[in-house]
Amino acid sequence: MKIAILGAMPEEIEPFLDEFECEKIDYANNSFYITNFKNHELIIAYSKIGKVNSTLTATIMIEKFKAQILLFTGVAGALKEGLKIGDILYATSVVQHDLDITAFGHPYGFVPGSPIFVETDKKLNEIALKTAKNLGLNITPGIIASGDQFINSNEKKEWIKTTFNASAAEMEGASVGQVCHALNVGYFLMRSISDEACESAEFDFDDFMVESAKKSAEFMLKMIENL
């Protein structure tokens, strides 16, 4: 099987590149890394930050490199109470919190022709739960909200959480979800909590991003072994 592994930043895929010898292919102002693992071909890339970049990269991984499923790993800011730095969250669905055509009477996150909430792949989620059980780890399901904003405001955090019942916020997951939904590719999204999306978020993010990304990557490789 051809499996896309995507992160938004270099730090989020470095654990994979440290693990494998890869063929590097430069395309569309980005680099894609090809390797083999457990009878699968892996296509590894980081998209750069934001919904536009992640949409482009995910589409290339599927259309050019023929990925059959896409696994997105990295970090996110916690929205719901009880989530702490280092916790692992997987998305049951994704939503764009900054998509706003409410002036025309539509709800936040709505755009004609697309669902507000895009569900992730149930079979991949089940494999993740099995993997976590085998490792003795706790992973938490939840809605992940995406927007082209780094959330470090308590007011904005509360609005996203209340409006979408979201557990965490980041900047790419929902756009990649739309790509996978449109192209009928299984999608799994895992985030390690790197900050609490509040006024001190930028300081927490710098301190914990690398550690959180490494934790997500280690889990993802164990998950691939169970595919």
N, C-alpha and C. Protein backbone atom coordinates (compact mmCIF):
# COMPACT_ATOMS: atom_id res chain seq x y z
N MET A 1 0.83 -1.20 0.00
CA MET A 1 0.00 0.00 0.00
C MET A 1 0.87 1.26 0.00
N LYS A 2 0.42 2.28 -0.70
CA LYS A 2 1.12 3.56 -0.70
C LYS A 2 0.48 4.47 0.34
N ILE A 3 1.30 4.90 1.29
CA ILE A 3 0.81 5.65 2.44
C ILE A 3 1.48 7.01 2.48
N ALA A 4 0.66 8.06 2.48
CA ALA A 4 1.19 9.41 2.64
C ALA A 4 1.27 9.73 4.12
N ILE A 5 2.43 10.26 4.52
CA ILE A 5 2.61 10.76 5.89
C ILE A 5 2.91 12.24 5.78
N LEU A 6 2.04 13.05 6.37
CA LEU A 6 2.13 14.49 6.20
C LEU A 6 2.27 15.19 7.54
N GLY A 7 3.12 16.19 7.56
CA GLY A 7 3.21 17.12 8.68
C GLY A 7 3.18 18.52 8.13
N ALA A 8 2.95 19.50 8.99
CA ALA A 8 2.91 20.89 8.52
C ALA A 8 4.27 21.56 8.54
N MET A 9 5.14 21.11 9.47
CA MET A 9 6.44 21.75 9.67
C MET A 9 7.55 20.71 9.60
N PRO A 10 8.78 21.13 9.32
CA PRO A 10 9.89 20.17 9.25
C PRO A 10 10.02 19.33 10.50
N GLU A 11 9.83 19.94 11.67
CA GLU A 11 9.98 19.20 12.92
C GLU A 11 9.01 18.04 13.02
N GLU A 12 7.88 18.13 12.32
CA GLU A 12 6.86 17.10 12.43
C GLU A 12 7.15 15.87 11.59
N ILE A 13 8.06 15.98 10.62
CA ILE A 13 8.44 14.79 9.86
C ILE A 13 9.88 14.36 10.11
N GLU A 14 10.64 15.16 10.83
CA GLU A 14 12.03 14.79 11.09
C GLU A 14 12.19 13.44 11.78
N PRO A 15 11.30 13.06 12.71
CA PRO A 15 11.44 11.72 13.29
C PRO A 15 11.37 10.59 12.27
N PHE A 16 10.57 10.79 11.22
CA PHE A 16 10.50 9.78 10.16
C PHE A 16 11.77 9.79 9.31
N LEU A 17 12.25 10.96 8.98
CA LEU A 17 13.45 11.06 8.14
C LEU A 17 14.68 10.57 8.89
N ASP A 18 14.68 10.70 10.20
CA ASP A 18 15.78 10.15 11.00
C ASP A 18 15.75 8.63 11.04
N GLU A 19 14.57 8.08 10.86
CA GLU A 19 14.38 6.62 10.97
C GLU A 19 14.75 5.89 9.68
N PHE A 20 14.56 6.53 8.52
CA PHE A 20 14.68 5.84 7.24
C PHE A 20 15.68 6.51 6.31
N GLU A 21 16.21 5.72 5.39
CA GLU A 21 16.90 6.27 4.21
C GLU A 21 15.83 6.51 3.14
N CYS A 22 15.79 7.71 2.61
CA CYS A 22 14.71 8.08 1.70
C CYS A 22 15.25 8.62 0.38
N GLU A 23 14.48 8.40 -0.67
CA GLU A 23 14.72 9.08 -1.94
C GLU A 23 14.01 10.42 -1.88
N LYS A 24 14.70 11.48 -2.18
CA LYS A 24 14.12 12.82 -2.14
C LYS A 24 13.72 13.25 -3.54
N ILE A 25 12.48 13.68 -3.69
CA ILE A 25 11.98 14.18 -4.97
C ILE A 25 11.47 15.60 -4.75
N ASP A 26 12.04 16.54 -5.47
CA ASP A 26 11.60 17.94 -5.38
C ASP A 26 10.53 18.20 -6.44
N TYR A 27 9.42 18.79 -5.98
CA TYR A 27 8.31 19.04 -6.90
C TYR A 27 7.43 20.14 -6.32
N ALA A 28 7.00 21.05 -7.17
CA ALA A 28 6.05 22.11 -6.79
C ALA A 28 6.54 22.90 -5.58
N ASN A 29 7.80 23.26 -5.62
CA ASN A 29 8.39 24.07 -4.55
C ASN A 29 8.34 23.37 -3.19
N ASN A 30 8.45 22.04 -3.22
CA ASN A 30 8.47 21.27 -1.98
C ASN A 30 9.30 20.02 -2.20
N SER A 31 9.56 19.28 -1.13
CA SER A 31 10.33 18.03 -1.20
C SER A 31 9.48 16.89 -0.67
N PHE A 32 9.54 15.76 -1.36
CA PHE A 32 8.81 14.56 -0.99
C PHE A 32 9.83 13.44 -0.81
N TYR A 33 9.65 12.65 0.24
CA TYR A 33 10.63 11.62 0.61
C TYR A 33 9.96 10.26 0.50
N ILE A 34 10.58 9.38 -0.28
CA ILE A 34 10.01 8.06 -0.57
C ILE A 34 10.86 6.99 0.11
N THR A 35 10.20 6.08 0.81
CA THR A 35 10.91 4.97 1.45
C THR A 35 9.95 3.81 1.59
N ASN A 36 10.44 2.69 2.10
CA ASN A 36 9.62 1.50 2.32
C ASN A 36 9.66 1.11 3.79
N PHE A 37 8.52 0.63 4.27
CA PHE A 37 8.41 0.22 5.67
C PHE A 37 7.30 -0.81 5.79
N LYS A 38 7.65 -2.00 6.29
CA LYS A 38 6.67 -3.06 6.54
C LYS A 38 5.80 -3.34 5.32
N ASN A 39 6.44 -3.52 4.18
CA ASN A 39 5.76 -3.84 2.92
C ASN A 39 4.88 -2.71 2.39
N HIS A 40 5.05 -1.53 2.91
CA HIS A 40 4.34 -0.36 2.40
C HIS A 40 5.34 0.62 1.81
N GLU A 41 4.87 1.40 0.84
CA GLU A 41 5.65 2.53 0.36
C GLU A 41 5.17 3.79 1.06
N LEU A 42 6.09 4.50 1.67
CA LEU A 42 5.75 5.73 2.38
C LEU A 42 6.13 6.94 1.54
N ILE A 43 5.24 7.89 1.46
CA ILE A 43 5.52 9.19 0.85
C ILE A 43 5.42 10.21 1.97
N ILE A 44 6.54 10.82 2.32
CA ILE A 44 6.62 11.69 3.50
C ILE A 44 6.87 13.12 3.04
N ALA A 45 6.17 14.06 3.63
CA ALA A 45 6.38 15.47 3.28
C ALA A 45 5.87 16.35 4.40
N TYR A 46 6.40 17.56 4.46
CA TYR A 46 5.75 18.60 5.26
C TYR A 46 5.20 19.64 4.30
N SER A 47 4.04 20.16 4.64
CA SER A 47 3.29 20.99 3.69
C SER A 47 3.67 22.46 3.73
N LYS A 48 4.28 22.90 4.82
CA LYS A 48 4.36 24.30 5.23
C LYS A 48 3.03 24.66 5.89
N ILE A 49 3.06 25.72 6.67
CA ILE A 49 1.93 26.05 7.53
C ILE A 49 0.75 26.61 6.72
N GLY A 50 -0.46 26.24 7.12
CA GLY A 50 -1.66 26.85 6.58
C GLY A 50 -2.47 25.97 5.67
N LYS A 51 -3.71 26.38 5.44
CA LYS A 51 -4.64 25.54 4.70
C LYS A 51 -4.32 25.46 3.21
N VAL A 52 -3.86 26.55 2.62
CA VAL A 52 -3.52 26.52 1.19
C VAL A 52 -2.37 25.56 0.94
N ASN A 53 -1.30 25.69 1.71
CA ASN A 53 -0.13 24.83 1.52
C ASN A 53 -0.46 23.36 1.77
N SER A 54 -1.24 23.10 2.81
CA SER A 54 -1.56 21.70 3.11
C SER A 54 -2.48 21.10 2.06
N THR A 55 -3.39 21.90 1.50
CA THR A 55 -4.24 21.41 0.41
C THR A 55 -3.40 21.03 -0.80
N LEU A 56 -2.48 21.89 -1.17
CA LEU A 56 -1.60 21.62 -2.32
C LEU A 56 -0.79 20.35 -2.09
N THR A 57 -0.17 20.24 -0.94
CA THR A 57 0.71 19.09 -0.68
C THR A 57 -0.08 17.79 -0.63
N ALA A 58 -1.21 17.79 0.04
CA ALA A 58 -2.02 16.58 0.11
C ALA A 58 -2.49 16.14 -1.27
N THR A 59 -2.89 17.09 -2.09
CA THR A 59 -3.34 16.76 -3.44
C THR A 59 -2.20 16.14 -4.26
N ILE A 60 -1.00 16.69 -4.15
CA ILE A 60 0.15 16.14 -4.88
C ILE A 60 0.45 14.72 -4.40
N MET A 61 0.40 14.50 -3.10
CA MET A 61 0.70 13.17 -2.56
C MET A 61 -0.26 12.12 -3.09
N ILE A 62 -1.51 12.54 -3.30
CA ILE A 62 -2.52 11.60 -3.79
C ILE A 62 -2.49 11.49 -5.30
N GLU A 63 -2.46 12.61 -6.01
CA GLU A 63 -2.59 12.59 -7.46
C GLU A 63 -1.27 12.22 -8.16
N LYS A 64 -0.15 12.75 -7.69
CA LYS A 64 1.13 12.47 -8.35
C LYS A 64 1.78 11.19 -7.82
N PHE A 65 1.79 11.05 -6.48
CA PHE A 65 2.48 9.92 -5.88
C PHE A 65 1.55 8.75 -5.57
N LYS A 66 0.26 8.91 -5.85
CA LYS A 66 -0.73 7.82 -5.81
C LYS A 66 -0.93 7.24 -4.41
N ALA A 67 -0.87 8.09 -3.40
CA ALA A 67 -1.14 7.62 -2.04
C ALA A 67 -2.57 7.10 -1.94
N GLN A 68 -2.71 5.96 -1.25
CA GLN A 68 -4.02 5.34 -1.09
C GLN A 68 -4.69 5.71 0.22
N ILE A 69 -3.89 6.04 1.22
CA ILE A 69 -4.39 6.60 2.47
C ILE A 69 -3.44 7.73 2.88
N LEU A 70 -3.95 8.62 3.72
CA LEU A 70 -3.12 9.74 4.17
C LEU A 70 -3.19 9.83 5.69
N LEU A 71 -2.02 9.83 6.31
CA LEU A 71 -1.89 9.95 7.76
C LEU A 71 -1.23 11.29 8.07
N PHE A 72 -1.91 12.10 8.84
CA PHE A 72 -1.41 13.44 9.17
C PHE A 72 -1.00 13.45 10.63
N THR A 73 0.25 13.80 10.89
CA THR A 73 0.77 13.80 12.26
C THR A 73 1.34 15.16 12.60
N GLY A 74 1.31 15.48 13.87
CA GLY A 74 1.88 16.75 14.29
C GLY A 74 1.34 17.20 15.63
N VAL A 75 1.18 18.52 15.77
CA VAL A 75 0.82 19.10 17.06
C VAL A 75 -0.41 19.99 16.91
N ALA A 76 -1.06 20.26 18.05
CA ALA A 76 -2.24 21.13 18.06
C ALA A 76 -2.36 21.78 19.42
N GLY A 77 -3.17 22.82 19.47
CA GLY A 77 -3.47 23.48 20.73
C GLY A 77 -4.76 22.97 21.33
N ALA A 78 -4.76 22.69 22.62
CA ALA A 78 -5.95 22.17 23.29
C ALA A 78 -7.01 23.24 23.42
N LEU A 79 -8.26 22.84 23.21
CA LEU A 79 -9.41 23.70 23.44
C LEU A 79 -10.23 23.23 24.63
N LYS A 80 -10.47 21.94 24.72
CA LYS A 80 -11.32 21.40 25.77
C LYS A 80 -10.54 21.20 27.07
N GLU A 81 -11.25 21.39 28.16
CA GLU A 81 -10.65 21.15 29.45
C GLU A 81 -10.26 19.68 29.59
N GLY A 82 -9.18 19.45 30.30
CA GLY A 82 -8.73 18.08 30.54
C GLY A 82 -7.63 17.63 29.63
N LEU A 83 -7.47 18.28 28.48
CA LEU A 83 -6.37 17.96 27.58
C LEU A 83 -5.12 18.69 28.04
N LYS A 84 -4.03 17.95 28.20
CA LYS A 84 -2.79 18.51 28.70
C LYS A 84 -1.69 18.35 27.67
N ILE A 85 -0.65 19.15 27.81
CA ILE A 85 0.49 19.08 26.91
C ILE A 85 1.06 17.65 26.93
N GLY A 86 1.25 17.10 25.73
CA GLY A 86 1.74 15.74 25.59
C GLY A 86 0.66 14.71 25.34
N ASP A 87 -0.62 15.05 25.62
CA ASP A 87 -1.72 14.13 25.33
C ASP A 87 -1.85 13.92 23.83
N ILE A 88 -2.38 12.75 23.44
CA ILE A 88 -2.57 12.43 22.03
C ILE A 88 -4.06 12.45 21.71
N LEU A 89 -4.40 13.16 20.65
CA LEU A 89 -5.78 13.30 20.20
C LEU A 89 -5.88 12.83 18.76
N TYR A 90 -6.94 12.06 18.45
CA TYR A 90 -7.19 11.75 17.04
C TYR A 90 -8.54 12.34 16.65
N ALA A 91 -8.61 12.78 15.40
CA ALA A 91 -9.81 13.46 14.93
C ALA A 91 -10.88 12.47 14.50
N THR A 92 -12.09 12.65 15.01
CA THR A 92 -13.25 11.95 14.47
C THR A 92 -13.80 12.69 13.26
N SER A 93 -13.65 14.02 13.29
CA SER A 93 -14.00 14.85 12.14
C SER A 93 -13.22 16.15 12.23
N VAL A 94 -13.20 16.88 11.13
CA VAL A 94 -12.46 18.14 11.05
C VAL A 94 -13.37 19.23 10.49
N VAL A 95 -13.07 20.48 10.87
CA VAL A 95 -13.91 21.60 10.47
C VAL A 95 -13.04 22.84 10.32
N GLN A 96 -13.42 23.73 9.40
CA GLN A 96 -12.70 24.99 9.20
C GLN A 96 -13.36 26.08 10.05
N HIS A 97 -12.68 26.49 11.11
CA HIS A 97 -13.30 27.46 12.02
C HIS A 97 -13.27 28.88 11.47
N ASP A 98 -12.42 29.16 10.48
CA ASP A 98 -12.32 30.52 9.95
C ASP A 98 -13.08 30.71 8.64
N LEU A 99 -13.89 29.74 8.26
CA LEU A 99 -14.71 29.85 7.05
C LEU A 99 -16.04 30.50 7.43
N ASP A 100 -16.29 31.69 6.92
CA ASP A 100 -17.40 32.49 7.43
C ASP A 100 -18.17 33.16 6.28
N ILE A 101 -19.31 32.56 5.91
CA ILE A 101 -20.24 33.25 5.01
C ILE A 101 -21.59 33.37 5.71
N THR A 102 -21.52 33.65 7.02
CA THR A 102 -22.75 33.80 7.81
C THR A 102 -23.57 34.99 7.35
N ALA A 103 -22.96 35.94 6.65
CA ALA A 103 -23.71 37.08 6.12
C ALA A 103 -24.82 36.66 5.18
N PHE A 104 -24.72 35.45 4.61
CA PHE A 104 -25.72 34.93 3.68
C PHE A 104 -26.65 33.92 4.36
N GLY A 105 -26.61 33.88 5.69
CA GLY A 105 -27.51 33.02 6.42
C GLY A 105 -27.03 31.62 6.66
N HIS A 106 -25.77 31.34 6.33
CA HIS A 106 -25.22 30.00 6.52
C HIS A 106 -24.49 29.90 7.86
N PRO A 107 -24.33 28.69 8.41
CA PRO A 107 -23.58 28.53 9.66
C PRO A 107 -22.08 28.69 9.42
N TYR A 108 -21.36 28.97 10.50
CA TYR A 108 -19.91 29.01 10.41
C TYR A 108 -19.37 27.66 9.91
N GLY A 109 -18.35 27.73 9.07
CA GLY A 109 -17.73 26.51 8.55
C GLY A 109 -18.37 25.97 7.31
N PHE A 110 -19.45 26.59 6.85
CA PHE A 110 -20.18 26.07 5.69
C PHE A 110 -19.68 26.70 4.40
N VAL A 111 -19.57 25.86 3.36
CA VAL A 111 -19.38 26.34 2.01
C VAL A 111 -20.23 25.44 1.10
N PRO A 112 -20.94 25.99 0.13
CA PRO A 112 -21.81 25.16 -0.70
C PRO A 112 -21.05 24.02 -1.37
N GLY A 113 -21.64 22.83 -1.34
CA GLY A 113 -21.06 21.67 -2.02
C GLY A 113 -20.13 20.84 -1.17
N SER A 114 -19.86 21.25 0.08
CA SER A 114 -18.97 20.51 0.96
C SER A 114 -19.59 20.41 2.34
N PRO A 115 -19.32 19.33 3.05
CA PRO A 115 -19.83 19.23 4.42
C PRO A 115 -19.09 20.17 5.36
N ILE A 116 -19.77 20.64 6.40
CA ILE A 116 -19.10 21.46 7.41
C ILE A 116 -18.08 20.62 8.17
N PHE A 117 -18.51 19.44 8.60
CA PHE A 117 -17.63 18.52 9.31
C PHE A 117 -17.29 17.36 8.37
N VAL A 118 -16.01 17.14 8.14
CA VAL A 118 -15.55 16.02 7.33
C VAL A 118 -15.07 14.92 8.26
N GLU A 119 -15.69 13.77 8.16
CA GLU A 119 -15.32 12.65 9.02
C GLU A 119 -14.02 12.01 8.55
N THR A 120 -13.25 11.55 9.50
CA THR A 120 -12.05 10.78 9.19
C THR A 120 -12.42 9.32 9.00
N ASP A 121 -11.45 8.51 8.60
CA ASP A 121 -11.71 7.11 8.24
C ASP A 121 -11.90 6.26 9.49
N LYS A 122 -13.06 5.64 9.61
CA LYS A 122 -13.38 4.86 10.81
C LYS A 122 -12.46 3.66 10.98
N LYS A 123 -12.10 2.99 9.88
CA LYS A 123 -11.22 1.82 9.99
C LYS A 123 -9.84 2.22 10.48
N LEU A 124 -9.33 3.34 9.97
CA LEU A 124 -8.02 3.81 10.44
C LEU A 124 -8.09 4.22 11.90
N ASN A 125 -9.20 4.82 12.31
CA ASN A 125 -9.36 5.18 13.72
C ASN A 125 -9.37 3.94 14.61
N GLU A 126 -10.02 2.87 14.13
CA GLU A 126 -10.04 1.62 14.89
C GLU A 126 -8.64 1.02 15.02
N ILE A 127 -7.86 1.11 13.95
CA ILE A 127 -6.48 0.62 14.01
C ILE A 127 -5.67 1.44 15.01
N ALA A 128 -5.91 2.73 15.04
CA ALA A 128 -5.21 3.59 16.00
C ALA A 128 -5.56 3.21 17.44
N LEU A 129 -6.83 2.93 17.69
CA LEU A 129 -7.25 2.54 19.04
C LEU A 129 -6.62 1.20 19.43
N LYS A 130 -6.57 0.27 18.49
CA LYS A 130 -5.93 -1.02 18.75
C LYS A 130 -4.45 -0.83 19.05
N THR A 131 -3.79 0.02 18.28
CA THR A 131 -2.38 0.30 18.49
C THR A 131 -2.15 0.89 19.86
N ALA A 132 -2.98 1.85 20.23
CA ALA A 132 -2.85 2.49 21.54
C ALA A 132 -3.03 1.48 22.67
N LYS A 133 -4.00 0.58 22.51
CA LYS A 133 -4.24 -0.43 23.54
C LYS A 133 -3.03 -1.35 23.69
N ASN A 134 -2.45 -1.75 22.56
CA ASN A 134 -1.28 -2.63 22.60
C ASN A 134 -0.08 -1.95 23.26
N LEU A 135 -0.01 -0.63 23.11
CA LEU A 135 1.11 0.12 23.68
C LEU A 135 0.82 0.61 25.10
N GLY A 136 -0.39 0.38 25.56
CA GLY A 136 -0.76 0.87 26.88
C GLY A 136 -0.89 2.38 26.94
N LEU A 137 -1.30 2.98 25.81
CA LEU A 137 -1.44 4.43 25.73
C LEU A 137 -2.90 4.83 25.68
N ASN A 138 -3.17 6.04 26.10
CA ASN A 138 -4.51 6.59 26.01
C ASN A 138 -4.56 7.64 24.91
N ILE A 139 -5.42 7.44 23.92
CA ILE A 139 -5.62 8.46 22.90
C ILE A 139 -7.09 8.88 22.94
N THR A 140 -7.31 10.16 22.72
CA THR A 140 -8.62 10.76 22.93
C THR A 140 -9.25 11.15 21.60
N PRO A 141 -10.51 10.78 21.35
CA PRO A 141 -11.18 11.23 20.13
C PRO A 141 -11.70 12.65 20.29
N GLY A 142 -11.84 13.35 19.17
CA GLY A 142 -12.42 14.69 19.23
C GLY A 142 -12.47 15.35 17.88
N ILE A 143 -13.21 16.43 17.81
CA ILE A 143 -13.27 17.26 16.61
C ILE A 143 -12.08 18.20 16.62
N ILE A 144 -11.38 18.30 15.48
CA ILE A 144 -10.26 19.21 15.34
C ILE A 144 -10.65 20.33 14.39
N ALA A 145 -10.46 21.56 14.83
CA ALA A 145 -10.81 22.74 14.05
C ALA A 145 -9.56 23.37 13.48
N SER A 146 -9.64 23.77 12.20
CA SER A 146 -8.49 24.33 11.50
C SER A 146 -8.81 25.73 10.99
N GLY A 147 -7.78 26.57 10.99
CA GLY A 147 -7.90 27.90 10.42
C GLY A 147 -6.53 28.49 10.24
N ASP A 148 -6.44 29.50 9.41
CA ASP A 148 -5.15 30.15 9.14
C ASP A 148 -4.82 31.17 10.23
N GLN A 149 -4.85 30.67 11.47
CA GLN A 149 -4.55 31.50 12.64
C GLN A 149 -3.92 30.61 13.71
N PHE A 150 -2.88 31.13 14.36
CA PHE A 150 -2.36 30.47 15.56
C PHE A 150 -3.15 31.01 16.75
N ILE A 151 -3.86 30.13 17.45
CA ILE A 151 -4.78 30.57 18.49
C ILE A 151 -4.03 30.76 19.81
N ASN A 152 -3.96 32.01 20.26
CA ASN A 152 -3.37 32.29 21.58
C ASN A 152 -4.21 33.32 22.32
N SER A 153 -5.51 33.20 22.15
CA SER A 153 -6.47 34.09 22.79
C SER A 153 -7.54 33.27 23.50
N ASN A 154 -7.76 33.54 24.78
CA ASN A 154 -8.80 32.81 25.50
C ASN A 154 -10.17 33.03 24.89
N GLU A 155 -10.44 34.25 24.43
CA GLU A 155 -11.73 34.55 23.82
C GLU A 155 -11.95 33.75 22.54
N LYS A 156 -10.95 33.71 21.68
CA LYS A 156 -11.06 32.94 20.44
C LYS A 156 -11.13 31.45 20.72
N LYS A 157 -10.37 30.99 21.69
CA LYS A 157 -10.39 29.58 22.08
C LYS A 157 -11.80 29.16 22.49
N GLU A 158 -12.45 29.97 23.33
CA GLU A 158 -13.79 29.64 23.79
C GLU A 158 -14.80 29.66 22.66
N TRP A 159 -14.64 30.60 21.72
CA TRP A 159 -15.57 30.68 20.59
C TRP A 159 -15.47 29.44 19.72
N ILE A 160 -14.28 29.01 19.38
CA ILE A 160 -14.11 27.81 18.53
C ILE A 160 -14.66 26.58 19.24
N LYS A 161 -14.32 26.45 20.50
CA LYS A 161 -14.77 25.29 21.27
C LYS A 161 -16.30 25.23 21.33
N THR A 162 -16.94 26.37 21.59
CA THR A 162 -18.39 26.41 21.73
C THR A 162 -19.09 26.26 20.39
N THR A 163 -18.59 26.93 19.36
CA THR A 163 -19.25 26.93 18.05
C THR A 163 -19.20 25.56 17.38
N PHE A 164 -18.07 24.87 17.51
CA PHE A 164 -17.88 23.62 16.77
C PHE A 164 -17.74 22.39 17.67
N ASN A 165 -17.86 22.57 18.98
CA ASN A 165 -17.64 21.47 19.93
C ASN A 165 -16.27 20.83 19.69
N ALA A 166 -15.28 21.68 19.39
CA ALA A 166 -13.96 21.19 19.00
C ALA A 166 -13.08 20.95 20.23
N SER A 167 -12.23 19.94 20.11
CA SER A 167 -11.31 19.60 21.19
C SER A 167 -9.96 20.28 21.04
N ALA A 168 -9.55 20.57 19.80
CA ALA A 168 -8.22 21.14 19.56
C ALA A 168 -8.25 21.99 18.30
N ALA A 169 -7.28 22.88 18.20
CA ALA A 169 -7.17 23.77 17.04
C ALA A 169 -5.77 23.69 16.45
N GLU A 170 -5.71 23.73 15.12
CA GLU A 170 -4.46 23.78 14.38
C GLU A 170 -4.73 24.47 13.06
N MET A 171 -3.84 24.30 12.06
CA MET A 171 -3.93 25.15 10.88
C MET A 171 -4.01 24.40 9.54
N GLU A 172 -4.18 23.06 9.58
CA GLU A 172 -4.13 22.32 8.32
C GLU A 172 -5.10 21.15 8.20
N GLY A 173 -5.52 20.56 9.29
CA GLY A 173 -6.21 19.28 9.23
C GLY A 173 -7.49 19.28 8.42
N ALA A 174 -8.30 20.34 8.54
CA ALA A 174 -9.58 20.36 7.85
C ALA A 174 -9.43 20.50 6.34
N SER A 175 -8.43 21.26 5.90
CA SER A 175 -8.22 21.40 4.45
C SER A 175 -7.75 20.09 3.84
N VAL A 176 -6.90 19.37 4.55
CA VAL A 176 -6.48 18.05 4.07
C VAL A 176 -7.67 17.09 4.09
N GLY A 177 -8.51 17.22 5.09
CA GLY A 177 -9.72 16.40 5.14
C GLY A 177 -10.62 16.63 3.93
N GLN A 178 -10.74 17.88 3.50
CA GLN A 178 -11.55 18.17 2.31
C GLN A 178 -10.95 17.51 1.07
N VAL A 179 -9.62 17.53 0.95
CA VAL A 179 -8.96 16.89 -0.18
C VAL A 179 -9.25 15.39 -0.19
N CYS A 180 -9.06 14.75 0.96
CA CYS A 180 -9.26 13.30 1.03
C CYS A 180 -10.72 12.94 0.80
N HIS A 181 -11.62 13.76 1.30
CA HIS A 181 -13.05 13.52 1.07
C HIS A 181 -13.37 13.60 -0.42
N ALA A 182 -12.86 14.62 -1.09
CA ALA A 182 -13.15 14.82 -2.52
C ALA A 182 -12.55 13.73 -3.38
N LEU A 183 -11.37 13.22 -2.99
CA LEU A 183 -10.65 12.24 -3.80
C LEU A 183 -10.84 10.80 -3.29
N ASN A 184 -11.71 10.64 -2.28
CA ASN A 184 -12.08 9.32 -1.77
C ASN A 184 -10.85 8.55 -1.26
N VAL A 185 -10.05 9.20 -0.45
CA VAL A 185 -8.86 8.60 0.14
C VAL A 185 -9.03 8.57 1.65
N GLY A 186 -8.74 7.43 2.27
CA GLY A 186 -8.85 7.31 3.71
C GLY A 186 -7.94 8.29 4.43
N TYR A 187 -8.47 8.92 5.48
CA TYR A 187 -7.76 10.00 6.16
C TYR A 187 -7.74 9.75 7.66
N PHE A 188 -6.54 9.85 8.23
CA PHE A 188 -6.37 9.75 9.68
C PHE A 188 -5.57 10.95 10.15
N LEU A 189 -6.03 11.59 11.21
CA LEU A 189 -5.37 12.78 11.74
C LEU A 189 -5.10 12.60 13.22
N MET A 190 -3.83 12.68 13.58
CA MET A 190 -3.42 12.58 14.98
C MET A 190 -2.63 13.82 15.35
N ARG A 191 -2.92 14.34 16.53
CA ARG A 191 -2.20 15.50 17.04
C ARG A 191 -1.76 15.24 18.48
N SER A 192 -0.52 15.60 18.79
CA SER A 192 -0.08 15.68 20.17
C SER A 192 -0.30 17.11 20.64
N ILE A 193 -0.82 17.26 21.82
CA ILE A 193 -1.10 18.59 22.35
C ILE A 193 0.21 19.27 22.74
N SER A 194 0.47 20.42 22.11
CA SER A 194 1.72 21.14 22.35
C SER A 194 1.52 22.41 23.17
N ASP A 195 0.27 22.88 23.27
CA ASP A 195 0.00 24.10 24.02
C ASP A 195 -1.47 24.13 24.35
N GLU A 196 -1.88 25.13 25.11
CA GLU A 196 -3.27 25.20 25.56
C GLU A 196 -4.05 26.34 24.88
N ALA A 197 -3.53 26.83 23.74
CA ALA A 197 -4.24 27.80 22.90
C ALA A 197 -4.74 29.02 23.67
N CYS A 198 -3.91 29.49 24.60
CA CYS A 198 -4.29 30.65 25.41
C CYS A 198 -3.20 31.71 25.29
N GLU A 199 -3.21 32.68 26.20
CA GLU A 199 -2.28 33.80 26.06
C GLU A 199 -0.82 33.39 26.13
N SER A 200 -0.50 32.27 26.80
CA SER A 200 0.89 31.82 26.89
C SER A 200 1.23 30.78 25.83
N ALA A 201 0.36 30.60 24.84
CA ALA A 201 0.51 29.50 23.89
C ALA A 201 1.82 29.57 23.13
N GLU A 202 2.25 30.79 22.73
CA GLU A 202 3.45 30.87 21.92
C GLU A 202 4.68 30.38 22.69
N PHE A 203 4.67 30.53 24.01
CA PHE A 203 5.80 30.07 24.80
C PHE A 203 5.75 28.55 24.98
N ASP A 204 4.57 28.01 25.26
CA ASP A 204 4.41 26.56 25.37
C ASP A 204 4.76 25.88 24.05
N PHE A 205 4.34 26.49 22.94
CA PHE A 205 4.56 25.88 21.63
C PHE A 205 6.04 25.70 21.35
N ASP A 206 6.83 26.71 21.58
CA ASP A 206 8.27 26.62 21.33
C ASP A 206 8.91 25.54 22.20
N ASP A 207 8.46 25.43 23.43
CA ASP A 207 9.08 24.50 24.38
C ASP A 207 8.73 23.05 24.10
N PHE A 208 7.51 22.80 23.62
CA PHE A 208 7.01 21.43 23.58
C PHE A 208 6.78 20.87 22.18
N MET A 209 6.91 21.68 21.13
CA MET A 209 6.58 21.22 19.79
C MET A 209 7.38 20.00 19.38
N VAL A 210 8.70 20.06 19.54
CA VAL A 210 9.56 18.97 19.07
C VAL A 210 9.23 17.68 19.81
N GLU A 211 9.08 17.76 21.12
CA GLU A 211 8.76 16.57 21.90
C GLU A 211 7.41 15.99 21.51
N SER A 212 6.42 16.84 21.31
CA SER A 212 5.09 16.38 20.95
C SER A 212 5.06 15.74 19.56
N ALA A 213 5.77 16.36 18.61
CA ALA A 213 5.82 15.81 17.25
C ALA A 213 6.48 14.45 17.24
N LYS A 214 7.52 14.30 18.04
CA LYS A 214 8.22 13.00 18.11
C LYS A 214 7.30 11.93 18.67
N LYS A 215 6.51 12.27 19.66
CA LYS A 215 5.58 11.32 20.25
C LYS A 215 4.54 10.87 19.22
N SER A 216 4.02 11.80 18.44
CA SER A 216 3.05 11.46 17.40
C SER A 216 3.66 10.57 16.33
N ALA A 217 4.89 10.87 15.92
CA ALA A 217 5.54 10.10 14.87
C ALA A 217 5.82 8.67 15.32
N GLU A 218 6.24 8.50 16.55
CA GLU A 218 6.50 7.15 17.07
C GLU A 218 5.22 6.32 17.08
N PHE A 219 4.12 6.94 17.47
CA PHE A 219 2.85 6.23 17.46
C PHE A 219 2.43 5.86 16.05
N MET A 220 2.64 6.78 15.11
CA MET A 220 2.21 6.56 13.74
C MET A 220 2.92 5.36 13.13
N LEU A 221 4.21 5.21 13.39
CA LEU A 221 4.94 4.06 12.86
C LEU A 221 4.40 2.75 13.44
N LYS A 222 4.07 2.76 14.72
CA LYS A 222 3.47 1.57 15.31
C LYS A 222 2.12 1.27 14.69
N MET A 223 1.38 2.31 14.38
CA MET A 223 0.08 2.14 13.74
C MET A 223 0.24 1.52 12.36
N ILE A 224 1.24 1.99 11.58
CA ILE A 224 1.46 1.46 10.25
C ILE A 224 1.78 -0.03 10.30
N GLU A 225 2.47 -0.45 11.34
CA GLU A 225 2.76 -1.87 11.50
C GLU A 225 1.48 -2.71 11.61
N ASN A 226 0.41 -2.11 12.06
CA ASN A 226 -0.86 -2.82 12.22
C ASN A 226 -1.80 -2.70 11.02
N LEU A 227 -1.37 -2.00 9.97
CA LEU A 227 -2.21 -1.88 8.79
C LEU A 227 -2.25 -3.19 8.01
